[in-house]
PDB file of all heavy atoms in Angstrom:
ATOM      1  N   CYS A   1      36.370  -7.768-100.901  1.00  0.00           N
ATOM      2  CA  CYS A   1      37.558  -7.365-101.642  1.00  0.00           C
ATOM      3  C   CYS A   1      38.282  -6.207-100.949  1.00  0.00           C
ATOM      4  O   CYS A   1      39.524  -6.175-100.902  1.00  0.00           O
ATOM      5  CB  CYS A   1      37.184  -6.978-103.074  1.00  0.00           C
ATOM      6  SG  CYS A   1      36.573  -8.360-104.078  1.00  0.00           S
ATOM      7  N   ALA A   2      37.495  -5.259-100.379  1.00  0.00           N
ATOM      8  CA  ALA A   2      38.114  -4.139 -99.667  1.00  0.00           C
ATOM      9  C   ALA A   2      38.804  -4.606 -98.402  1.00  0.00           C
ATOM     10  O   ALA A   2      39.894  -4.144 -98.060  1.00  0.00           O
ATOM     11  CB  ALA A   2      37.047  -3.078 -99.354  1.00  0.00           C
ATOM     12  N   ALA A   3      38.205  -5.554 -97.692  1.00  0.00           N
ATOM     13  CA  ALA A   3      38.767  -6.034 -96.446  1.00  0.00           C
ATOM     14  C   ALA A   3      40.099  -6.751 -96.675  1.00  0.00           C
ATOM     15  O   ALA A   3      41.000  -6.692 -95.830  1.00  0.00           O
ATOM     16  CB  ALA A   3      37.785  -6.951 -95.726  1.00  0.00           C
ATOM     17  N   PHE A   4      40.226  -7.432 -97.808  1.00  0.00           N
ATOM     18  CA  PHE A   4      41.476  -8.153 -98.104  1.00  0.00           C
ATOM     19  C   PHE A   4      42.487  -7.254 -98.825  1.00  0.00           C
ATOM     20  O   PHE A   4      43.549  -7.730 -99.226  1.00  0.00           O
ATOM     21  CB  PHE A   4      41.195  -9.402 -98.921  1.00  0.00           C
ATOM     22  CG  PHE A   4      40.707 -10.557 -98.076  1.00  0.00           C
ATOM     23  CD1 PHE A   4      39.379 -10.928 -98.093  1.00  0.00           C
ATOM     24  CD2 PHE A   4      41.586 -11.242 -97.253  1.00  0.00           C
ATOM     25  CE1 PHE A   4      38.915 -11.986 -97.305  1.00  0.00           C
ATOM     26  CE2 PHE A   4      41.135 -12.297 -96.465  1.00  0.00           C
ATOM     27  CZ  PHE A   4      39.807 -12.663 -96.483  1.00  0.00           C
ATOM     28  N   GLU A   5      42.145  -5.977 -98.991  1.00  0.00           N
ATOM     29  CA  GLU A   5      43.062  -4.976 -99.501  1.00  0.00           C
ATOM     30  C   GLU A   5      43.678  -5.343-100.860  1.00  0.00           C
ATOM     31  O   GLU A   5      44.866  -5.178-101.082  1.00  0.00           O
ATOM     32  CB  GLU A   5      44.192  -4.724 -98.486  1.00  0.00           C
ATOM     33  CG  GLU A   5      43.680  -4.217 -97.150  1.00  0.00           C
ATOM     34  CD  GLU A   5      44.810  -4.005 -96.137  1.00  0.00           C
ATOM     35  OE1 GLU A   5      45.850  -4.686 -96.250  1.00  0.00           O
ATOM     36  OE2 GLU A   5      44.646  -3.146 -95.266  1.00  0.00           O
ATOM     37  N   VAL A   6      42.850  -5.845-101.739  1.00  0.00           N
ATOM     38  CA  VAL A   6      43.338  -6.146-103.081  1.00  0.00           C
ATOM     39  C   VAL A   6      43.438  -4.850-103.873  1.00  0.00           C
ATOM     40  O   VAL A   6      42.697  -3.892-103.652  1.00  0.00           O
ATOM     41  CB  VAL A   6      42.419  -7.154-103.800  1.00  0.00           C
ATOM     42  CG1 VAL A   6      42.421  -8.480-103.107  1.00  0.00           C
ATOM     43  CG2 VAL A   6      40.982  -6.622-103.904  1.00  0.00           C
ATOM     44  N   ASP A   7      44.373  -4.813-104.813  1.00  0.00           N
ATOM     45  CA  ASP A   7      44.558  -3.616-105.622  1.00  0.00           C
ATOM     46  C   ASP A   7      43.565  -3.581-106.774  1.00  0.00           C
ATOM     47  O   ASP A   7      43.254  -4.601-107.379  1.00  0.00           O
ATOM     48  CB  ASP A   7      45.989  -3.586-106.194  1.00  0.00           C
ATOM     49  CG  ASP A   7      47.044  -3.452-105.108  1.00  0.00           C
ATOM     50  OD1 ASP A   7      46.738  -2.817-104.082  1.00  0.00           O
ATOM     51  OD2 ASP A   7      48.166  -3.979-105.286  1.00  0.00           O
ATOM     52  N   GLY A   8      43.101  -2.378-107.089  1.00  0.00           N
ATOM     53  CA  GLY A   8      42.228  -2.192-108.241  1.00  0.00           C
ATOM     54  C   GLY A   8      40.851  -2.807-108.039  1.00  0.00           C
ATOM     55  O   GLY A   8      40.471  -3.234-106.950  1.00  0.00           O
ATOM     56  N   LEU A   9      40.074  -2.836-109.124  1.00  0.00           N
ATOM     57  CA  LEU A   9      38.700  -3.318-109.087  1.00  0.00           C
ATOM     58  C   LEU A   9      38.517  -4.616-109.877  1.00  0.00           C
ATOM     59  O   LEU A   9      37.412  -5.144-109.934  1.00  0.00           O
ATOM     60  CB  LEU A   9      37.744  -2.256-109.654  1.00  0.00           C
ATOM     61  CG  LEU A   9      37.618  -0.993-108.790  1.00  0.00           C
ATOM     62  CD1 LEU A   9      36.799   0.056-109.516  1.00  0.00           C
ATOM     63  CD2 LEU A   9      36.960  -1.339-107.457  1.00  0.00           C
ATOM     64  N   ARG A  10      39.602  -5.134-110.507  1.00  0.00           N
ATOM     65  CA  ARG A  10      39.463  -6.375-111.259  1.00  0.00           C
ATOM     66  C   ARG A  10      39.001  -7.505-110.342  1.00  0.00           C
ATOM     67  O   ARG A  10      38.213  -8.357-110.741  1.00  0.00           O
ATOM     68  CB  ARG A  10      40.772  -6.725-111.941  1.00  0.00           C
ATOM     69  CG  ARG A  10      40.649  -7.979-112.813  1.00  0.00           C
ATOM     70  CD  ARG A  10      41.938  -8.316-113.538  1.00  0.00           C
ATOM     71  NE  ARG A  10      42.129  -7.431-114.672  1.00  0.00           N
ATOM     72  CZ  ARG A  10      43.175  -6.628-114.822  1.00  0.00           C
ATOM     73  NH1 ARG A  10      44.105  -6.595-113.882  1.00  0.00           N
ATOM     74  NH2 ARG A  10      43.309  -5.871-115.883  1.00  0.00           N
ATOM     75  N   ALA A  11      39.496  -7.509-109.106  1.00  0.00           N
ATOM     76  CA  ALA A  11      39.105  -8.568-108.166  1.00  0.00           C
ATOM     77  C   ALA A  11      37.601  -8.559-107.905  1.00  0.00           C
ATOM     78  O   ALA A  11      36.948  -9.610-107.856  1.00  0.00           O
ATOM     79  CB  ALA A  11      39.863  -8.415-106.854  1.00  0.00           C
ATOM     80  N   ASP A  12      37.014  -7.366-107.746  1.00  0.00           N
ATOM     81  CA  ASP A  12      35.585  -7.270-107.503  1.00  0.00           C
ATOM     82  C   ASP A  12      34.788  -7.801-108.704  1.00  0.00           C
ATOM     83  O   ASP A  12      33.790  -8.539-108.542  1.00  0.00           O
ATOM     84  CB  ASP A  12      35.188  -5.810-107.248  1.00  0.00           C
ATOM     85  CG  ASP A  12      35.959  -5.188-106.102  1.00  0.00           C
ATOM     86  OD1 ASP A  12      37.188  -5.120-106.193  1.00  0.00           O
ATOM     87  OD2 ASP A  12      35.327  -4.752-105.118  1.00  0.00           O
ATOM     88  N   ILE A  13      35.228  -7.431-109.898  1.00  0.00           N
ATOM     89  CA  ILE A  13      34.516  -7.846-111.118  1.00  0.00           C
ATOM     90  C   ILE A  13      34.590  -9.360-111.288  1.00  0.00           C
ATOM     91  O   ILE A  13      33.588 -10.033-111.568  1.00  0.00           O
ATOM     92  CB  ILE A  13      35.098  -7.136-112.352  1.00  0.00           C
ATOM     93  CG1 ILE A  13      34.856  -5.613-112.230  1.00  0.00           C
ATOM     94  CG2 ILE A  13      34.497  -7.670-113.641  1.00  0.00           C
ATOM     95  CD1 ILE A  13      35.594  -4.806-113.281  1.00  0.00           C
ATOM     96  N   VAL A  14      35.792  -9.915-111.137  1.00  0.00           N
ATOM     97  CA  VAL A  14      35.983 -11.358-111.326  1.00  0.00           C
ATOM     98  C   VAL A  14      35.212 -12.138-110.251  1.00  0.00           C
ATOM     99  O   VAL A  14      34.579 -13.156-110.543  1.00  0.00           O
ATOM    100  CB  VAL A  14      37.469 -11.727-111.320  1.00  0.00           C
ATOM    101  CG1 VAL A  14      37.647 -13.243-111.317  1.00  0.00           C
ATOM    102  CG2 VAL A  14      38.174 -11.120-112.508  1.00  0.00           C
ATOM    103  N   THR A  15      35.255 -11.654-109.012  1.00  0.00           N
ATOM    104  CA  THR A  15      34.541 -12.332-107.937  1.00  0.00           C
ATOM    105  C   THR A  15      33.036 -12.332-108.202  1.00  0.00           C
ATOM    106  O   THR A  15      32.359 -13.340-107.972  1.00  0.00           O
ATOM    107  CB  THR A  15      34.840 -11.667-106.576  1.00  0.00           C
ATOM    108  OG1 THR A  15      36.248 -11.645-106.354  1.00  0.00           O
ATOM    109  CG2 THR A  15      34.170 -12.418-105.430  1.00  0.00           C
ATOM    110  N   ALA A  16      32.512 -11.218-108.670  1.00  0.00           N
ATOM    111  CA  ALA A  16      31.090 -11.142-108.986  1.00  0.00           C
ATOM    112  C   ALA A  16      30.714 -12.115-110.115  1.00  0.00           C
ATOM    113  O   ALA A  16      29.715 -12.844-110.025  1.00  0.00           O
ATOM    114  CB  ALA A  16      30.709  -9.718-109.385  1.00  0.00           C
ATOM    115  N   ARG A  17      31.522 -12.159-111.176  1.00  0.00           N
ATOM    116  CA  ARG A  17      31.246 -13.053-112.293  1.00  0.00           C
ATOM    117  C   ARG A  17      31.328 -14.515-111.838  1.00  0.00           C
ATOM    118  O   ARG A  17      30.514 -15.374-112.249  1.00  0.00           O
ATOM    119  CB  ARG A  17      32.236 -12.803-113.420  1.00  0.00           C
ATOM    120  CG  ARG A  17      32.012 -11.491-114.161  1.00  0.00           C
ATOM    121  CD  ARG A  17      33.130 -11.212-115.155  1.00  0.00           C
ATOM    122  NE  ARG A  17      32.854 -10.043-115.981  1.00  0.00           N
ATOM    123  CZ  ARG A  17      33.728  -9.445-116.757  1.00  0.00           C
ATOM    124  NH1 ARG A  17      34.971  -9.932-116.820  1.00  0.00           N
ATOM    125  NH2 ARG A  17      33.408  -8.400-117.460  1.00  0.00           N
ATOM    126  N   THR A  18      32.317 -14.805-111.010  1.00  0.00           N
ATOM    127  CA  THR A  18      32.489 -16.190-110.534  1.00  0.00           C
ATOM    128  C   THR A  18      31.328 -16.597-109.612  1.00  0.00           C
ATOM    129  O   THR A  18      30.858 -17.736-109.675  1.00  0.00           O
ATOM    130  CB  THR A  18      33.818 -16.327-109.778  1.00  0.00           C
ATOM    131  OG1 THR A  18      34.885 -15.854-110.622  1.00  0.00           O
ATOM    132  CG2 THR A  18      34.081 -17.776-109.413  1.00  0.00           C
ATOM    133  N   ALA A  19      30.881 -15.677-108.778  1.00  0.00           N
ATOM    134  CA  ALA A  19      29.758 -15.967-107.886  1.00  0.00           C
ATOM    135  C   ALA A  19      28.494 -16.258-108.682  1.00  0.00           C
ATOM    136  O   ALA A  19      27.716 -17.176-108.357  1.00  0.00           O
ATOM    137  CB  ALA A  19      29.520 -14.807-106.928  1.00  0.00           C
ATOM    138  N   VAL A  20      28.258 -15.490-109.748  1.00  0.00           N
ATOM    139  CA  VAL A  20      27.088 -15.729-110.610  1.00  0.00           C
ATOM    140  C   VAL A  20      27.216 -17.107-111.298  1.00  0.00           C
ATOM    141  O   VAL A  20      26.240 -17.866-111.347  1.00  0.00           O
ATOM    142  CB  VAL A  20      26.954 -14.613-111.661  1.00  0.00           C
ATOM    143  CG1 VAL A  20      25.878 -14.956-112.673  1.00  0.00           C
ATOM    144  CG2 VAL A  20      26.618 -13.284-110.978  1.00  0.00           C
ATOM    145  N   ALA A  21      28.406 -17.418-111.791  1.00  0.00           N
ATOM    146  CA  ALA A  21      28.600 -18.716-112.454  1.00  0.00           C
ATOM    147  C   ALA A  21      28.418 -19.850-111.458  1.00  0.00           C
ATOM    148  O   ALA A  21      27.830 -20.887-111.798  1.00  0.00           O
ATOM    149  CB  ALA A  21      30.000 -18.782-113.078  1.00  0.00           C
ATOM    150  N   HIS A  22      28.895 -19.671-110.239  1.00  0.00           N
ATOM    151  CA  HIS A  22      28.733 -20.717-109.221  1.00  0.00           C
ATOM    152  C   HIS A  22      27.259 -20.888-108.848  1.00  0.00           C
ATOM    153  O   HIS A  22      26.806 -22.016-108.603  1.00  0.00           O
ATOM    154  CB  HIS A  22      29.558 -20.383-107.985  1.00  0.00           C
ATOM    155  CG  HIS A  22      29.622 -21.497-106.988  1.00  0.00           C
ATOM    156  ND1 HIS A  22      28.710 -21.639-105.981  1.00  0.00           N
ATOM    157  CD2 HIS A  22      30.487 -22.547-106.860  1.00  0.00           C
ATOM    158  CE1 HIS A  22      29.008 -22.716-105.248  1.00  0.00           C
ATOM    159  NE2 HIS A  22      30.069 -23.287-105.779  1.00  0.00           N
ATOM    160  N   ALA A  23      26.533 -19.782-108.779  1.00  0.00           N
ATOM    161  CA  ALA A  23      25.102 -19.884-108.514  1.00  0.00           C
ATOM    162  C   ALA A  23      24.380 -20.657-109.606  1.00  0.00           C
ATOM    163  O   ALA A  23      23.528 -21.504-109.321  1.00  0.00           O
ATOM    164  CB  ALA A  23      24.497 -18.485-108.357  1.00  0.00           C
ATOM    165  N   ALA A  24      24.748 -20.402-110.876  1.00  0.00           N
ATOM    166  CA  ALA A  24      24.145 -21.152-111.985  1.00  0.00           C
ATOM    167  C   ALA A  24      24.520 -22.628-111.891  1.00  0.00           C
ATOM    168  O   ALA A  24      23.676 -23.512-112.136  1.00  0.00           O
ATOM    169  CB  ALA A  24      24.611 -20.559-113.309  1.00  0.00           C
ATOM    170  N   TRP A  25      25.758 -22.929-111.532  1.00  0.00           N
ATOM    171  CA  TRP A  25      26.210 -24.311-111.404  1.00  0.00           C
ATOM    172  C   TRP A  25      25.490 -25.020-110.263  1.00  0.00           C
ATOM    173  O   TRP A  25      25.142 -26.205-110.376  1.00  0.00           O
ATOM    174  CB  TRP A  25      27.726 -24.301-111.176  1.00  0.00           C
ATOM    175  CG  TRP A  25      28.336 -25.607-110.789  1.00  0.00           C
ATOM    176  CD1 TRP A  25      28.810 -25.965-109.567  1.00  0.00           C
ATOM    177  CD2 TRP A  25      28.543 -26.759-111.625  1.00  0.00           C
ATOM    178  NE1 TRP A  25      29.308 -27.257-109.586  1.00  0.00           N
ATOM    179  CE2 TRP A  25      29.155 -27.755-110.842  1.00  0.00           C
ATOM    180  CE3 TRP A  25      28.262 -27.021-112.943  1.00  0.00           C
ATOM    181  CZ2 TRP A  25      29.512 -29.001-111.359  1.00  0.00           C
ATOM    182  CZ3 TRP A  25      28.617 -28.261-113.473  1.00  0.00           C
ATOM    183  CH2 TRP A  25      29.227 -29.237-112.677  1.00  0.00           C
ATOM    184  N   ALA A  26      25.235 -24.284-109.172  1.00  0.00           N
ATOM    185  CA  ALA A  26      24.589 -24.890-107.995  1.00  0.00           C
ATOM    186  C   ALA A  26      23.062 -24.882-108.109  1.00  0.00           C
ATOM    187  O   ALA A  26      22.395 -25.421-107.203  1.00  0.00           O
ATOM    188  CB  ALA A  26      25.025 -24.164-106.728  1.00  0.00           C
ATOM    189  N   GLY A  27      22.516 -24.266-109.153  1.00  0.00           N
ATOM    190  CA  GLY A  27      21.077 -24.237-109.337  1.00  0.00           C
ATOM    191  C   GLY A  27      20.371 -23.153-108.555  1.00  0.00           C
ATOM    192  O   GLY A  27      19.160 -23.223-108.332  1.00  0.00           O
ATOM    193  N   HIS A  28      21.077 -22.095-108.133  1.00  0.00           N
ATOM    194  CA  HIS A  28      20.468 -21.001-107.388  1.00  0.00           C
ATOM    195  C   HIS A  28      19.870 -19.985-108.349  1.00  0.00           C
ATOM    196  O   HIS A  28      20.407 -19.747-109.449  1.00  0.00           O
ATOM    197  CB  HIS A  28      21.493 -20.307-106.497  1.00  0.00           C
ATOM    198  CG  HIS A  28      22.145 -21.219-105.503  1.00  0.00           C
ATOM    199  ND1 HIS A  28      23.404 -20.999-104.977  1.00  0.00           N
ATOM    200  CD2 HIS A  28      21.705 -22.370-104.950  1.00  0.00           C
ATOM    201  CE1 HIS A  28      23.718 -21.982-104.141  1.00  0.00           C
ATOM    202  NE2 HIS A  28      22.693 -22.818-104.106  1.00  0.00           N
ATOM    203  N   ASP A  29      18.772 -19.326-107.906  1.00  0.00           N
ATOM    204  CA  ASP A  29      18.168 -18.265-108.710  1.00  0.00           C
ATOM    205  C   ASP A  29      18.856 -16.928-108.490  1.00  0.00           C
ATOM    206  O   ASP A  29      18.761 -16.029-109.322  1.00  0.00           O
ATOM    207  CB  ASP A  29      16.679 -18.127-108.379  1.00  0.00           C
ATOM    208  CG  ASP A  29      15.893 -19.372-108.773  1.00  0.00           C
ATOM    209  OD1 ASP A  29      16.259 -19.985-109.795  1.00  0.00           O
ATOM    210  OD2 ASP A  29      14.914 -19.710-108.078  1.00  0.00           O
ATOM    211  N   GLU A  30      19.523 -16.784-107.343  1.00  0.00           N
ATOM    212  CA  GLU A  30      20.268 -15.569-107.069  1.00  0.00           C
ATOM    213  C   GLU A  30      21.532 -15.911-106.295  1.00  0.00           C
ATOM    214  O   GLU A  30      21.638 -17.008-105.709  1.00  0.00           O
ATOM    215  CB  GLU A  30      19.425 -14.556-106.304  1.00  0.00           C
ATOM    216  CG  GLU A  30      18.961 -15.025-104.938  1.00  0.00           C
ATOM    217  CD  GLU A  30      18.098 -13.985-104.243  1.00  0.00           C
ATOM    218  OE1 GLU A  30      17.280 -13.329-104.910  1.00  0.00           O
ATOM    219  OE2 GLU A  30      18.255 -13.827-103.020  1.00  0.00           O
ATOM    220  N   VAL A  31      22.481 -14.995-106.308  1.00  0.00           N
ATOM    221  CA  VAL A  31      23.774 -15.241-105.670  1.00  0.00           C
ATOM    222  C   VAL A  31      23.611 -15.280-104.158  1.00  0.00           C
ATOM    223  O   VAL A  31      23.005 -14.389-103.555  1.00  0.00           O
ATOM    224  CB  VAL A  31      24.782 -14.145-106.076  1.00  0.00           C
ATOM    225  CG1 VAL A  31      26.069 -14.293-105.277  1.00  0.00           C
ATOM    226  CG2 VAL A  31      25.088 -14.238-107.567  1.00  0.00           C
ATOM    227  N   THR A  32      24.162 -16.315-103.535  1.00  0.00           N
ATOM    228  CA  THR A  32      24.098 -16.472-102.087  1.00  0.00           C
ATOM    229  C   THR A  32      25.474 -16.256-101.459  1.00  0.00           C
ATOM    230  O   THR A  32      26.476 -16.119-102.162  1.00  0.00           O
ATOM    231  CB  THR A  32      23.607 -17.876-101.710  1.00  0.00           C
ATOM    232  OG1 THR A  32      24.590 -18.847-102.133  1.00  0.00           O
ATOM    233  CG2 THR A  32      22.278 -18.203-102.416  1.00  0.00           C
ATOM    234  N   LYS A  33      25.520 -16.262-100.125  1.00  0.00           N
ATOM    235  CA  LYS A  33      26.798 -16.113 -99.436  1.00  0.00           C
ATOM    236  C   LYS A  33      27.722 -17.291 -99.748  1.00  0.00           C
ATOM    237  O   LYS A  33      28.961 -17.118 -99.840  1.00  0.00           O
ATOM    238  CB  LYS A  33      26.594 -16.001 -97.931  1.00  0.00           C
ATOM    239  CG  LYS A  33      26.188 -14.623 -97.471  1.00  0.00           C
ATOM    240  CD  LYS A  33      26.533 -14.379 -96.022  1.00  0.00           C
ATOM    241  CE  LYS A  33      26.039 -15.484 -95.110  1.00  0.00           C
ATOM    242  NZ  LYS A  33      26.349 -15.201 -93.691  1.00  0.00           N
ATOM    243  N   ALA A  34      27.169 -18.469 -99.910  1.00  0.00           N
ATOM    244  CA  ALA A  34      27.983 -19.635-100.259  1.00  0.00           C
ATOM    245  C   ALA A  34      28.654 -19.440-101.606  1.00  0.00           C
ATOM    246  O   ALA A  34      29.816 -19.815-101.816  1.00  0.00           O
ATOM    247  CB  ALA A  34      27.129 -20.897-100.252  1.00  0.00           C
ATOM    248  N   ASP A  35      27.920 -18.844-102.550  1.00  0.00           N
ATOM    249  CA  ASP A  35      28.495 -18.563-103.877  1.00  0.00           C
ATOM    250  C   ASP A  35      29.614 -17.536-103.759  1.00  0.00           C
ATOM    251  O   ASP A  35      30.672 -17.664-104.402  1.00  0.00           O
ATOM    252  CB  ASP A  35      27.419 -18.034-104.825  1.00  0.00           C
ATOM    253  CG  ASP A  35      26.287 -19.046-105.041  1.00  0.00           C
ATOM    254  OD1 ASP A  35      26.585 -20.238-105.134  1.00  0.00           O
ATOM    255  OD2 ASP A  35      25.120 -18.604-105.100  1.00  0.00           O
ATOM    256  N   ILE A  36      29.406 -16.508-102.953  1.00  0.00           N
ATOM    257  CA  ILE A  36      30.417 -15.465-102.775  1.00  0.00           C
ATOM    258  C   ILE A  36      31.666 -16.048-102.119  1.00  0.00           C
ATOM    259  O   ILE A  36      32.792 -15.737-102.507  1.00  0.00           O
ATOM    260  CB  ILE A  36      29.852 -14.304-101.936  1.00  0.00           C
ATOM    261  CG1 ILE A  36      28.705 -13.616-102.694  1.00  0.00           C
ATOM    262  CG2 ILE A  36      30.943 -13.287-101.623  1.00  0.00           C
ATOM    263  CD1 ILE A  36      27.985 -12.554-101.889  1.00  0.00           C
ATOM    264  N   ARG A  37      31.462 -16.892-101.114  1.00  0.00           N
ATOM    265  CA  ARG A  37      32.592 -17.482-100.399  1.00  0.00           C
ATOM    266  C   ARG A  37      33.457 -18.301-101.356  1.00  0.00           C
ATOM    267  O   ARG A  37      34.680 -18.182-101.381  1.00  0.00           O
ATOM    268  CB  ARG A  37      32.096 -18.355 -99.262  1.00  0.00           C
ATOM    269  CG  ARG A  37      33.211 -18.915 -98.393  1.00  0.00           C
ATOM    270  CD  ARG A  37      32.657 -19.834 -97.285  1.00  0.00           C
ATOM    271  NE  ARG A  37      33.681 -20.147 -96.321  1.00  0.00           N
ATOM    272  CZ  ARG A  37      34.626 -21.071 -96.464  1.00  0.00           C
ATOM    273  NH1 ARG A  37      34.654 -21.781 -97.594  1.00  0.00           N
ATOM    274  NH2 ARG A  37      35.526 -21.275 -95.520  1.00  0.00           N
ATOM    275  N   GLN A  38      32.793 -19.169-102.151  1.00  0.00           N
ATOM    276  CA  GLN A  38      33.560 -20.002-103.075  1.00  0.00           C
ATOM    277  C   GLN A  38      34.262 -19.161-104.126  1.00  0.00           C
ATOM    278  O   GLN A  38      35.406 -19.416-104.504  1.00  0.00           O
ATOM    279  CB  GLN A  38      32.638 -21.002-103.755  1.00  0.00           C
ATOM    280  CG  GLN A  38      33.361 -22.056-104.587  1.00  0.00           C
ATOM    281  CD  GLN A  38      34.291 -22.919-103.745  1.00  0.00           C
ATOM    282  OE1 GLN A  38      33.860 -23.639-102.864  1.00  0.00           O
ATOM    283  NE2 GLN A  38      35.586 -22.832-104.021  1.00  0.00           N
TER     284      GLN A  38
END
């Protein structure tokens, strides 16, 4: 999020929540780089 110079911290929070949801959807026990990328 810092590298893409997004404003504020909402992007970090939403990305984290989405990565966790994607990990649950993909059957992962913990968040992976693939989850973060998506």
